[in-house]
C-alpha atoms as a PDB file:
ATOM      1  CA  UNK A   1      22.758  -6.067  24.888  1.00  0.00           C
ATOM      2  CA  UNK A   2      25.763  -3.586  24.643  1.00  0.00           C
ATOM      3  CA  UNK A   3      23.530  -0.700  25.904  1.00  0.00           C
ATOM      4  CA  UNK A   4      22.457  -2.273  29.297  1.00  0.00           C
ATOM      5  CA  UNK A   5      25.689  -2.902  30.780  1.00  0.00           C
ATOM      6  CA  UNK A   6      27.340   0.356  29.293  1.00  0.00           C
ATOM      7  CA  UNK A   7      24.232   2.324  31.199  1.00  0.00           C
ATOM      8  CA  UNK A   8      24.352   0.192  34.264  1.00  0.00           C
ATOM      9  CA  UNK A   9      28.305   0.862  34.499  1.00  0.00           C
ATOM     10  CA  UNK A  10      27.849   4.982  33.790  1.00  0.00           C
ATOM     11  CA  UNK A  11      24.833   4.568  35.671  1.00  0.00           C
ATOM     12  CA  UNK A  12      26.934   3.631  38.471  1.00  0.00           C
ATOM     13  CA  UNK A  13      29.399   5.702  38.596  1.00  0.00           C
ATOM     14  CA  UNK A  14      27.798   8.559  38.606  1.00  0.00           C
ATOM     15  CA  UNK A  15      26.098   7.489  41.508  1.00  0.00           C
ATOM     16  CA  UNK A  16      29.376   6.831  43.591  1.00  0.00           C
ATOM     17  CA  UNK A  17      31.080   9.825  42.796  1.00  0.00           C
ATOM     18  CA  UNK A  18      27.639  12.057  44.189  1.00  0.00           C
ATOM     19  CA  UNK A  19      28.068   9.987  47.062  1.00  0.00           C
ATOM     20  CA  UNK A  20      31.815  11.132  47.621  1.00  0.00           C
ATOM     21  CA  UNK A  21      31.373  14.606  47.368  1.00  0.00           C
ATOM     22  CA  UNK A  22      28.270  14.120  49.234  1.00  0.00           C
ATOM     23  CA  UNK A  23      29.972  12.651  51.921  1.00  0.00           C
ATOM     24  CA  UNK A  24      32.990  15.185  52.105  1.00  0.00           C
ATOM     25  CA  UNK A  25      31.620  18.223  51.530  1.00  0.00           C
ATOM     26  CA  UNK A  26      28.344  18.176  53.299  1.00  0.00           C
ATOM     27  CA  UNK A  27      28.655  15.470  56.155  1.00  0.00           C
ATOM     28  CA  UNK A  28      26.023  15.374  58.453  1.00  0.00           C
ATOM     29  CA  UNK A  29      23.776  17.504  56.008  1.00  0.00           C
ATOM     30  CA  UNK A  30      20.120  16.563  55.409  1.00  0.00           C
ATOM     31  CA  UNK A  31      19.675  14.781  52.088  1.00  0.00           C
ATOM     32  CA  UNK A  32      17.751  16.856  49.258  1.00  0.00           C
ATOM     33  CA  UNK A  33      14.325  15.158  48.601  1.00  0.00           C
ATOM     34  CA  UNK A  34      13.763  13.268  45.329  1.00  0.00           C
ATOM     35  CA  UNK A  35      12.303  15.392  42.670  1.00  0.00           C
ATOM     36  CA  UNK A  36       8.188  15.138  42.545  1.00  0.00           C
ATOM     37  CA  UNK A  37       6.744  13.315  39.484  1.00  0.00           C
ATOM     38  CA  UNK A  38       4.396  15.522  37.423  1.00  0.00           C
ATOM     39  CA  UNK A  39       1.144  15.500  37.921  1.00  0.00           C
ATOM     40  CA  UNK A  40      -0.704  12.263  36.519  1.00  0.00           C
ATOM     41  CA  UNK A  41       2.244  10.301  36.571  1.00  0.00           C
ATOM     42  CA  UNK A  42       3.598   7.786  36.552  1.00  0.00           C
ATOM     43  CA  UNK A  43       0.731   6.380  33.894  1.00  0.00           C
ATOM     44  CA  UNK A  44       0.281   2.662  33.266  1.00  0.00           C
ATOM     45  CA  UNK A  45      -1.069   1.819  29.848  1.00  0.00           C
ATOM     46  CA  UNK A  46      -2.541  -1.931  29.007  1.00  0.00           C
ATOM     47  CA  UNK A  47      -2.159  -3.240  25.819  1.00  0.00           C
ATOM     48  CA  UNK A  48      -1.786  -6.511  24.127  1.00  0.00           C
ATOM     49  CA  UNK A  49       1.718  -7.224  24.584  1.00  0.00           C
ATOM     50  CA  UNK A  50       1.156  -6.254  28.460  1.00  0.00           C
ATOM     51  CA  UNK A  51       1.148  -2.894  30.362  1.00  0.00           C
ATOM     52  CA  UNK A  52       3.550  -0.178  29.813  1.00  0.00           C
ATOM     53  CA  UNK A  53       4.355   2.295  32.696  1.00  0.00           C
ATOM     54  CA  UNK A  54       5.377   5.843  31.612  1.00  0.00           C
ATOM     55  CA  UNK A  55       7.083   7.688  35.227  1.00  0.00           C
ATOM     56  CA  UNK A  56       7.105  10.451  34.118  1.00  0.00           C
ATOM     57  CA  UNK A  57       6.571  13.566  31.592  1.00  0.00           C
ATOM     58  CA  UNK A  58       7.936  12.584  28.135  1.00  0.00           C
ATOM     59  CA  UNK A  59      10.921  14.328  27.020  1.00  0.00           C
ATOM     60  CA  UNK A  60      12.180  12.456  24.094  1.00  0.00           C
ATOM     61  CA  UNK A  61       9.713  10.107  22.252  1.00  0.00           C
ATOM     62  CA  UNK A  62      10.478   8.633  19.381  1.00  0.00           C
ATOM     63  CA  UNK A  63       7.346   7.521  16.999  1.00  0.00           C
ATOM     64  CA  UNK A  64       7.267   4.075  15.289  1.00  0.00           C
ATOM     65  CA  UNK A  65       3.438   4.224  14.062  1.00  0.00           C
ATOM     66  CA  UNK A  66       1.729   7.118  11.420  1.00  0.00           C
ATOM     67  CA  UNK A  67      -1.261   7.472  13.886  1.00  0.00           C
ATOM     68  CA  UNK A  68       0.940   7.911  16.889  1.00  0.00           C
ATOM     69  CA  UNK A  69       2.728  10.235  15.263  1.00  0.00           C
ATOM     70  CA  UNK A  70      -0.043  12.385  13.777  1.00  0.00           C
ATOM     71  CA  UNK A  71      -1.883  12.064  16.965  1.00  0.00           C
ATOM     72  CA  UNK A  72       1.178  13.411  18.716  1.00  0.00           C
ATOM     73  CA  UNK A  73       2.299  16.019  16.481  1.00  0.00           C
ATOM     74  CA  UNK A  74      -1.552  17.325  16.352  1.00  0.00           C
ATOM     75  CA  UNK A  75      -1.277  17.589  20.561  1.00  0.00           C
ATOM     76  CA  UNK A  76       2.009  19.918  19.773  1.00  0.00           C
ATOM     77  CA  UNK A  77       4.487  17.742  20.958  1.00  0.00           C
ATOM     78  CA  UNK A  78       7.468  17.203  18.159  1.00  0.00           C
ATOM     79  CA  UNK A  79       9.239  13.744  18.450  1.00  0.00           C
ATOM     80  CA  UNK A  80      12.988  13.096  18.292  1.00  0.00           C
ATOM     81  CA  UNK A  81      12.109  10.513  15.763  1.00  0.00           C
ATOM     82  CA  UNK A  82       9.738   9.413  13.678  1.00  0.00           C
ATOM     83  CA  UNK A  83       8.695   7.396  10.763  1.00  0.00           C
ATOM     84  CA  UNK A  84      10.155   8.282   7.083  1.00  0.00           C
ATOM     85  CA  UNK A  85       7.111   8.596   4.465  1.00  0.00           C
ATOM     86  CA  UNK A  86       7.925   6.346   1.353  1.00  0.00           C
ATOM     87  CA  UNK A  87       5.075   8.502  -0.251  1.00  0.00           C
ATOM     88  CA  UNK A  88       6.365  12.117   0.196  1.00  0.00           C
ATOM     89  CA  UNK A  89       9.918  12.989  -1.516  1.00  0.00           C
ATOM     90  CA  UNK A  90      10.839  14.351   1.884  1.00  0.00           C
ATOM     91  CA  UNK A  91      10.370  11.792   3.930  1.00  0.00           C
ATOM     92  CA  UNK A  92       7.843  14.304   5.712  1.00  0.00           C
ATOM     93  CA  UNK A  93       3.979  14.214   4.856  1.00  0.00           C
ATOM     94  CA  UNK A  94       2.731  17.918   4.326  1.00  0.00           C
ATOM     95  CA  UNK A  95       0.316  17.566   7.220  1.00  0.00           C
ATOM     96  CA  UNK A  96       2.749  16.324   9.551  1.00  0.00           C
ATOM     97  CA  UNK A  97       5.501  18.913   8.090  1.00  0.00           C
ATOM     98  CA  UNK A  98       2.753  21.591   9.102  1.00  0.00           C
ATOM     99  CA  UNK A  99       2.960  20.693  12.650  1.00  0.00           C
ATOM    100  CA  UNK A 100       6.768  20.575  12.706  1.00  0.00           C
ATOM    101  CA  UNK A 101       7.087  24.436  12.588  1.00  0.00           C
ATOM    102  CA  UNK A 102      10.542  23.683  10.931  1.00  0.00           C
ATOM    103  CA  UNK A 103      12.151  21.290  13.134  1.00  0.00           C
ATOM    104  CA  UNK A 104      12.990  17.826  11.338  1.00  0.00           C
ATOM    105  CA  UNK A 105      13.406  15.000  13.366  1.00  0.00           C
ATOM    106  CA  UNK A 106      15.511  11.971  12.650  1.00  0.00           C
ATOM    107  CA  UNK A 107      13.638  10.342   9.969  1.00  0.00           C
ATOM    108  CA  UNK A 108      13.390   6.438  10.541  1.00  0.00           C
ATOM    109  CA  UNK A 109      12.992   3.909   7.699  1.00  0.00           C
ATOM    110  CA  UNK A 110      11.508   0.670   7.911  1.00  0.00           C
ATOM    111  CA  UNK A 111      12.405  -2.541   6.195  1.00  0.00           C
ATOM    112  CA  UNK A 112      11.157  -5.166   5.418  1.00  0.00           C
ATOM    113  CA  UNK A 113      10.788  -6.864   8.977  1.00  0.00           C
ATOM    114  CA  UNK A 114       9.567  -3.240  10.807  1.00  0.00           C
ATOM    115  CA  UNK A 115      12.515  -0.536  12.584  1.00  0.00           C
ATOM    116  CA  UNK A 116      16.077  -1.716  13.342  1.00  0.00           C
ATOM    117  CA  UNK A 117      15.913  -1.537  17.710  1.00  0.00           C
ATOM    118  CA  UNK A 118      19.418  -0.283  17.738  1.00  0.00           C
ATOM    119  CA  UNK A 119      18.594   2.820  15.410  1.00  0.00           C
ATOM    120  CA  UNK A 120      15.935   3.732  17.822  1.00  0.00           C
ATOM    121  CA  UNK A 121      17.380   3.551  20.835  1.00  0.00           C
ATOM    122  CA  UNK A 122      20.650   5.239  19.196  1.00  0.00           C
ATOM    123  CA  UNK A 123      18.213   7.943  20.024  1.00  0.00           C
ATOM    124  CA  UNK A 124      18.162   8.013  23.675  1.00  0.00           C
ATOM    125  CA  UNK A 125      14.000   8.192  24.315  1.00  0.00           C
ATOM    126  CA  UNK A 126      12.168   8.112  27.235  1.00  0.00           C
ATOM    127  CA  UNK A 127       9.527   7.114  25.594  1.00  0.00           C
ATOM    128  CA  UNK A 128       8.310   5.357  22.216  1.00  0.00           C
ATOM    129  CA  UNK A 129       4.840   5.303  20.875  1.00  0.00           C
ATOM    130  CA  UNK A 130       4.352   2.173  18.526  1.00  0.00           C
ATOM    131  CA  UNK A 131       0.885   1.476  18.570  1.00  0.00           C
ATOM    132  CA  UNK A 132       0.637   1.240  14.497  1.00  0.00           C
ATOM    133  CA  UNK A 133       3.752  -0.226  14.126  1.00  0.00           C
ATOM    134  CA  UNK A 134       2.548  -3.380  12.152  1.00  0.00           C
ATOM    135  CA  UNK A 135       6.006  -4.957  13.194  1.00  0.00           C
ATOM    136  CA  UNK A 136       5.955  -4.300  16.920  1.00  0.00           C
ATOM    137  CA  UNK A 137       5.866  -8.228  18.187  1.00  0.00           C
ATOM    138  CA  UNK A 138       9.191  -8.836  15.966  1.00  0.00           C
ATOM    139  CA  UNK A 139      10.860  -6.100  18.932  1.00  0.00           C
ATOM    140  CA  UNK A 140       9.054  -5.412  21.278  1.00  0.00           C
ATOM    141  CA  UNK A 141      10.601  -6.827  24.208  1.00  0.00           C
ATOM    142  CA  UNK A 142      13.731  -5.135  23.115  1.00  0.00           C
ATOM    143  CA  UNK A 143      12.860  -2.153  22.801  1.00  0.00           C
ATOM    144  CA  UNK A 144      10.756  -2.438  26.078  1.00  0.00           C
ATOM    145  CA  UNK A 145      13.488  -3.768  28.423  1.00  0.00           C
ATOM    146  CA  UNK A 146      14.943   0.123  28.106  1.00  0.00           C
ATOM    147  CA  UNK A 147      12.399   2.401  27.131  1.00  0.00           C
ATOM    148  CA  UNK A 148       8.484   2.384  28.299  1.00  0.00           C
ATOM    149  CA  UNK A 149       6.829   1.354  24.915  1.00  0.00           C
ATOM    150  CA  UNK A 150       2.908   1.448  23.892  1.00  0.00           C
ATOM    151  CA  UNK A 151       1.395  -1.081  21.796  1.00  0.00           C
ATOM    152  CA  UNK A 152      -1.853  -2.402  20.283  1.00  0.00           C
ATOM    153  CA  UNK A 153      -4.885  -2.855  22.445  1.00  0.00           C
ATOM    154  CA  UNK A 154      -6.762  -5.264  19.924  1.00  0.00           C
ATOM    155  CA  UNK A 155      -3.953  -5.949  17.255  1.00  0.00           C
ATOM    156  CA  UNK A 156      -1.534  -4.978  14.627  1.00  0.00           C
ATOM    157  CA  UNK A 157      -3.150  -1.761  12.499  1.00  0.00           C
ATOM    158  CA  UNK A 158      -6.308  -2.789  14.277  1.00  0.00           C
ATOM    159  CA  UNK A 159      -7.081  -0.252  16.864  1.00  0.00           C
ATOM    160  CA  UNK A 160      -8.493   3.453  15.134  1.00  0.00           C
ATOM    161  CA  UNK A 161      -7.037   6.035  14.930  1.00  0.00           C
ATOM    162  CA  UNK A 162      -9.763   7.681  17.758  1.00  0.00           C
ATOM    163  CA  UNK A 163      -8.043   4.794  20.028  1.00  0.00           C
ATOM    164  CA  UNK A 164      -4.422   5.365  19.022  1.00  0.00           C
ATOM    165  CA  UNK A 165      -5.159   9.037  19.643  1.00  0.00           C
ATOM    166  CA  UNK A 166      -6.555   8.658  23.411  1.00  0.00           C
ATOM    167  CA  UNK A 167      -3.858   6.263  24.182  1.00  0.00           C
ATOM    168  CA  UNK A 168      -1.216   8.544  22.947  1.00  0.00           C
ATOM    169  CA  UNK A 169      -3.046  11.579  24.980  1.00  0.00           C
ATOM    170  CA  UNK A 170      -2.825   9.375  27.983  1.00  0.00           C
ATOM    171  CA  UNK A 171       1.060   8.585  27.787  1.00  0.00           C
ATOM    172  CA  UNK A 172       1.885  12.152  27.495  1.00  0.00           C
ATOM    173  CA  UNK A 173      -0.148  13.447  30.132  1.00  0.00           C
ATOM    174  CA  UNK A 174      -2.614  14.999  27.471  1.00  0.00           C
ATOM    175  CA  UNK A 175      -5.471  13.130  28.106  1.00  0.00           C
ATOM    176  CA  UNK A 176      -8.453  16.013  27.987  1.00  0.00           C
ATOM    177  CA  UNK A 177      -6.597  17.399  25.093  1.00  0.00           C
ATOM    178  CA  UNK A 178      -6.867  14.209  23.198  1.00  0.00           C
ATOM    179  CA  UNK A 179     -10.367  13.772  24.128  1.00  0.00           C
ATOM    180  CA  UNK A 180     -11.562  16.882  22.147  1.00  0.00           C
ATOM    181  CA  UNK A 181      -9.105  16.164  19.477  1.00  0.00           C
ATOM    182  CA  UNK A 182     -11.169  12.858  18.666  1.00  0.00           C
ATOM    183  CA  UNK A 183     -14.376  15.057  19.173  1.00  0.00           C
ATOM    184  CA  UNK A 184     -13.511  17.746  17.000  1.00  0.00           C
ATOM    185  CA  UNK A 185     -12.216  15.359  13.733  1.00  0.00           C
ATOM    186  CA  UNK A 186     -15.089  13.393  14.108  1.00  0.00           C
ATOM    187  CA  UNK A 187     -17.382  16.483  14.173  1.00  0.00           C
ATOM    188  CA  UNK A 188     -15.212  17.875  11.183  1.00  0.00           C
ATOM    189  CA  UNK A 189     -16.396  14.484   9.401  1.00  0.00           C
ATOM    190  CA  UNK A 190     -19.986  14.839  10.465  1.00  0.00           C
ATOM    191  CA  UNK A 191     -19.896  18.417   9.231  1.00  0.00           C
ATOM    192  CA  UNK A 192     -18.708  16.806   5.488  1.00  0.00           C
ATOM    193  CA  UNK A 193     -21.172  14.471   5.135  1.00  0.00           C
ATOM    194  CA  UNK A 194     -23.435  16.966   6.208  1.00  0.00           C
ATOM    195  CA  UNK A 195     -22.068  19.373   3.242  1.00  0.00           C
ATOM    196  CA  UNK A 196     -22.342  16.816   0.583  1.00  0.00           C
ATOM    197  CA  UNK A 197     -25.105  14.662   0.376  1.00  0.00           C
ATOM    198  CA  UNK A 198     -24.732  13.588  -3.514  1.00  0.00           C
ATOM    199  CA  UNK A 199     -21.759  10.788  -1.763  1.00  0.00           C
ATOM    200  CA  UNK A 200     -23.830   9.581   1.010  1.00  0.00           C
ATOM    201  CA  UNK A 201     -24.587   5.741   0.014  1.00  0.00           C
ATOM    202  CA  UNK A 202     -22.689   5.556  -2.844  1.00  0.00           C
ATOM    203  CA  UNK A 203     -20.970   2.188  -3.390  1.00  0.00           C
ATOM    204  CA  UNK A 204     -17.191   2.685  -3.603  1.00  0.00           C
ATOM    205  CA  UNK A 205     -13.817   0.941  -3.218  1.00  0.00           C
ATOM    206  CA  UNK A 206      -9.875   1.666  -3.556  1.00  0.00           C
ATOM    207  CA  UNK A 207      -7.789  -0.716  -6.077  1.00  0.00           C
ATOM    208  CA  UNK A 208      -3.979  -0.837  -6.054  1.00  0.00           C
ATOM    209  CA  UNK A 209      -2.410  -2.109  -9.201  1.00  0.00           C
ATOM    210  CA  UNK A 210       0.054  -5.088  -8.752  1.00  0.00           C
ATOM    211  CA  UNK A 211       1.261  -5.966 -12.097  1.00  0.00           C
ATOM    212  CA  UNK A 212       0.498  -8.328 -14.690  1.00  0.00           C
ATOM    213  CA  UNK A 213      -2.986  -6.328 -14.735  1.00  0.00           C
ATOM    214  CA  UNK A 214      -3.739  -7.663 -11.145  1.00  0.00           C
ATOM    215  CA  UNK A 215      -5.418  -5.391  -9.002  1.00  0.00           C
ATOM    216  CA  UNK A 216      -5.804  -5.731  -4.939  1.00  0.00           C
ATOM    217  CA  UNK A 217      -9.472  -4.129  -4.211  1.00  0.00           C
ATOM    218  CA  UNK A 218     -10.880  -3.213  -0.542  1.00  0.00           C
ATOM    219  CA  UNK A 219     -13.263  -5.336   1.001  1.00  0.00           C
ATOM    220  CA  UNK A 220     -13.716  -4.680   4.084  1.00  0.00           C
ATOM    221  CA  UNK A 221     -15.684  -2.259   6.174  1.00  0.00           C
ATOM    222  CA  UNK A 222     -13.778  -2.261   8.742  1.00  0.00           C
ATOM    223  CA  UNK A 223     -10.310  -1.959   7.443  1.00  0.00           C
ATOM    224  CA  UNK A 224      -8.756   1.593   8.239  1.00  0.00           C
ATOM    225  CA  UNK A 225      -9.482   2.616   4.962  1.00  0.00           C
ATOM    226  CA  UNK A 226     -13.219   1.069   4.730  1.00  0.00           C
ATOM    227  CA  UNK A 227     -13.967   3.094   7.672  1.00  0.00           C
ATOM    228  CA  UNK A 228     -12.622   6.087   6.498  1.00  0.00           C
ATOM    229  CA  UNK A 229     -14.638   6.002   3.383  1.00  0.00           C
ATOM    230  CA  UNK A 230     -17.565   5.146   5.578  1.00  0.00           C
ATOM    231  CA  UNK A 231     -17.003   8.622   7.168  1.00  0.00           C
ATOM    232  CA  UNK A 232     -17.446  10.192   4.137  1.00  0.00           C
ATOM    233  CA  UNK A 233     -20.616   8.710   3.560  1.00  0.00           C
ATOM    234  CA  UNK A 234     -19.428   5.799   1.069  1.00  0.00           C
ATOM    235  CA  UNK A 235     -19.837   2.023   1.574  1.00  0.00           C
ATOM    236  CA  UNK A 236     -18.232  -0.799   0.218  1.00  0.00           C
ATOM    237  CA  UNK A 237     -20.985  -3.266  -1.730  1.00  0.00           C
ATOM    238  CA  UNK A 238     -21.937  -6.236  -0.111  1.00  0.00           C
ATOM    239  CA  UNK A 239     -20.802  -7.738  -3.872  1.00  0.00           C
ATOM    240  CA  UNK A 240     -17.170  -7.305  -3.064  1.00  0.00           C
ATOM    241  CA  UNK A 241     -17.294  -7.897   0.874  1.00  0.00           C
ATOM    242  CA  UNK A 242     -18.366 -11.641  -0.465  1.00  0.00           C
ATOM    243  CA  UNK A 243     -14.965 -12.028  -2.276  1.00  0.00           C
ATOM    244  CA  UNK A 244     -12.228 -14.140  -0.761  1.00  0.00           C
ATOM    245  CA  UNK A 245      -9.397 -12.015   1.024  1.00  0.00           C
ATOM    246  CA  UNK A 246      -8.279 -10.300   4.135  1.00  0.00           C
ATOM    247  CA  UNK A 247      -8.927  -6.631   3.920  1.00  0.00           C
ATOM    248  CA  UNK A 248      -8.693  -6.838   0.141  1.00  0.00           C
ATOM    249  CA  UNK A 249      -9.861  -9.157  -2.630  1.00  0.00           C
ATOM    250  CA  UNK A 250      -7.236 -10.272  -5.832  1.00  0.00           C
ATOM    251  CA  UNK A 251      -9.157  -9.566  -9.390  1.00  0.00           C
ATOM    252  CA  UNK A 252      -7.418 -10.313 -12.517  1.00  0.00           C
ATOM    253  CA  UNK A 253      -8.455  -9.004 -15.595  1.00  0.00           C
ATOM    254  CA  UNK A 254     -11.346 -11.008 -16.048  1.00  0.00           C
ATOM    255  CA  UNK A 255     -12.673 -10.168 -12.779  1.00  0.00           C
ATOM    256  CA  UNK A 256     -12.630  -6.558 -13.409  1.00  0.00           C
ATOM    257  CA  UNK A 257     -16.358  -6.510 -13.364  1.00  0.00           C
ATOM    258  CA  UNK A 258     -16.471  -6.847  -9.612  1.00  0.00           C
ATOM    259  CA  UNK A 259     -15.385  -3.052  -9.681  1.00  0.00           C
ATOM    260  CA  UNK A 260     -18.262  -1.597 -11.289  1.00  0.00           C
ATOM    261  CA  UNK A 261     -19.137   0.296  -8.372  1.00  0.00           C
ATOM    262  CA  UNK A 262     -19.794   4.539  -8.604  1.00  0.00           C
ATOM    263  CA  UNK A 263     -16.583   5.483  -7.143  1.00  0.00           C
ATOM    264  CA  UNK A 264     -12.967   3.317  -7.974  1.00  0.00           C
ATOM    265  CA  UNK A 265     -10.095   5.435  -6.254  1.00  0.00           C
ATOM    266  CA  UNK A 266      -7.413   3.515  -7.668  1.00  0.00           C
ATOM    267  CA  UNK A 267      -3.361   4.184  -7.549  1.00  0.00           C
ATOM    268  CA  UNK A 268      -0.903   2.133  -9.693  1.00  0.00           C
ATOM    269  CA  UNK A 269       1.795   2.952  -6.996  1.00  0.00           C
ATOM    270  CA  UNK A 270       4.061   5.475  -9.404  1.00  0.00           C
ATOM    271  CA  UNK A 271       4.425   2.195 -12.361  1.00  0.00           C
ATOM    272  CA  UNK A 272       3.611   3.586 -15.912  1.00  0.00           C
ATOM    273  CA  UNK A 273       3.580   0.025 -17.041  1.00  0.00           C
ATOM    274  CA  UNK A 274       0.820  -0.913 -14.065  1.00  0.00           C
ATOM    275  CA  UNK A 275      -1.401   1.915 -15.142  1.00  0.00           C
ATOM    276  CA  UNK A 276      -1.012   1.695 -18.908  1.00  0.00           C
ATOM    277  CA  UNK A 277      -1.940  -2.333 -18.612  1.00  0.00           C
ATOM    278  CA  UNK A 278      -4.808  -1.959 -16.662  1.00  0.00           C
ATOM    279  CA  UNK A 279      -6.410   1.420 -18.257  1.00  0.00           C
ATOM    280  CA  UNK A 280      -5.604   0.372 -21.818  1.00  0.00           C
ATOM    281  CA  UNK A 281      -7.675  -3.317 -21.180  1.00  0.00           C
ATOM    282  CA  UNK A 282     -11.027  -2.767 -22.753  1.00  0.00           C
ATOM    283  CA  UNK A 283     -12.900  -4.712 -19.468  1.00  0.00           C
ATOM    284  CA  UNK A 284     -11.519  -1.833 -17.619  1.00  0.00           C
ATOM    285  CA  UNK A 285     -12.653   1.152 -20.000  1.00  0.00           C
ATOM    286  CA  UNK A 286     -15.661  -0.475 -20.782  1.00  0.00           C
ATOM    287  CA  UNK A 287     -16.809  -0.784 -17.118  1.00  0.00           C
ATOM    288  CA  UNK A 288     -19.792   1.912 -15.946  1.00  0.00           C
ATOM    289  CA  UNK A 289     -17.730   3.507 -13.369  1.00  0.00           C
ATOM    290  CA  UNK A 290     -14.798   4.376 -15.861  1.00  0.00           C
ATOM    291  CA  UNK A 291     -17.379   5.678 -18.342  1.00  0.00           C
ATOM    292  CA  UNK A 292     -19.336   7.773 -16.107  1.00  0.00           C
ATOM    293  CA  UNK A 293     -16.568   9.410 -14.530  1.00  0.00           C
ATOM    294  CA  UNK A 294     -15.933   7.335 -11.293  1.00  0.00           C
ATOM    295  CA  UNK A 295     -12.931   6.117 -11.423  1.00  0.00           C
ATOM    296  CA  UNK A 296     -10.341   8.077  -9.640  1.00  0.00           C
ATOM    297  CA  UNK A 297      -6.796   7.814 -10.677  1.00  0.00           C
ATOM    298  CA  UNK A 298      -4.772   8.457  -6.676  1.00  0.00           C
ATOM    299  CA  UNK A 299      -1.302   9.807  -5.672  1.00  0.00           C
ATOM    300  CA  UNK A 300       0.196   7.445  -3.389  1.00  0.00           C
ATOM    301  CA  UNK A 301      -0.020  10.196  -0.817  1.00  0.00           C
ATOM    302  CA  UNK A 302      -3.821  10.426  -1.402  1.00  0.00           C
ATOM    303  CA  UNK A 303      -3.972   6.636  -1.939  1.00  0.00           C
ATOM    304  CA  UNK A 304      -2.050   6.344   1.601  1.00  0.00           C
ATOM    305  CA  UNK A 305      -3.895   8.990   3.669  1.00  0.00           C
ATOM    306  CA  UNK A 306      -7.524   7.239   2.944  1.00  0.00           C
ATOM    307  CA  UNK A 307      -5.849   3.550   3.708  1.00  0.00           C
ATOM    308  CA  UNK A 308      -4.549   5.150   6.814  1.00  0.00           C
ATOM    309  CA  UNK A 309      -6.451   7.933   8.372  1.00  0.00           C
ATOM    310  CA  UNK A 310      -4.954   9.997  11.374  1.00  0.00           C
ATOM    311  CA  UNK A 311      -5.934  13.369  13.300  1.00  0.00           C
ATOM    312  CA  UNK A 312      -3.310  14.991  11.400  1.00  0.00           C
ATOM    313  CA  UNK A 313      -4.361  13.516   7.703  1.00  0.00           C
ATOM    314  CA  UNK A 314      -8.058  13.586   8.256  1.00  0.00           C
ATOM    315  CA  UNK A 315      -8.066  17.904   7.482  1.00  0.00           C
ATOM    316  CA  UNK A 316      -6.038  17.307   4.591  1.00  0.00           C
ATOM    317  CA  UNK A 317      -8.271  14.222   2.967  1.00  0.00           C
ATOM    318  CA  UNK A 318     -11.309  16.654   3.811  1.00  0.00           C
ATOM    319  CA  UNK A 319      -9.224  19.747   1.507  1.00  0.00           C
ATOM    320  CA  UNK A 320      -7.546  18.079  -0.747  1.00  0.00           C
ATOM    321  CA  UNK A 321      -9.124  14.424  -1.586  1.00  0.00           C
ATOM    322  CA  UNK A 322     -13.040  15.206  -0.739  1.00  0.00           C
ATOM    323  CA  UNK A 323     -13.323  17.505  -3.940  1.00  0.00           C
ATOM    324  CA  UNK A 324     -12.073  14.717  -6.268  1.00  0.00           C
ATOM    325  CA  UNK A 325     -14.522  12.388  -4.631  1.00  0.00           C
ATOM    326  CA  UNK A 326     -17.524  15.287  -5.341  1.00  0.00           C
ATOM    327  CA  UNK A 327     -16.804  15.630  -8.754  1.00  0.00           C
ATOM    328  CA  UNK A 328     -16.311  12.110  -9.775  1.00  0.00           C
ATOM    329  CA  UNK A 329     -20.214  11.627  -8.352  1.00  0.00           C
ATOM    330  CA  UNK A 330     -21.292  14.825  -9.931  1.00  0.00           C
ATOM    331  CA  UNK A 331     -20.187  13.505 -12.999  1.00  0.00           C
END
């Protein structure tokens, strides 16, 4: 890669120049001691793709995962680059914007195969946080050859937000603050459950329209979305869990009866055609959950925040989305 040869040549030239200046001007003067490493560094993280050693306090951080991003911002650090949000016109979610204090990092757009490593490296990062980059395995070796790069501990999108937050905290020298952030967020969720007894134990799922009347319904309680529903006291019914699929079950119109839960959180991805096709179908309109007012049509931003809970968006979910759940349950 051209970056490596250029960096080596430039670095060598600087070292030679510095050596000549010292030799000419200082003669026998003693060499200056190397700068002391910041307290707590170097830091070594172990993950599924190997180990990452961070030699000193990072100054230019690029984030390739949403949970990493929100954890970093919640810890009071602004990255030089972060993912562009497709759910918000500005490319930045409202909870992230609130933490940026008017600064706009470089927004990186992920393609069908993830991020472009060259675009990432052009930002000259000294740390890349990528635990929740789904495509990281495709280019981890290219990034980590130049920059310390974090990765998932269990698997792509399998680490909970708590684990990601703690990993980010260790990487940036704020392990204690990260532990407190996790504890405070979990406490807020516990208070939410206590304050909303009507939600506790209610059967719920999330559904995404995919055209031709097809819906994908969340079936896996261990999925981040399932975990977040559980954090509000909701549960995915066993009837949905028994359906085939990875984290979601594919349902045709003839299977809409599988969606007769207490709370149905549905997103049409901005497609009026998809919404009309599903909502006008008698099999859908006659579901008890629809007739009882338990169906909530969610914006892409709301749906995605539930799908990808972070220490940054959980307070936003409590403020903006929880009241809708409460209202739908009360009828």
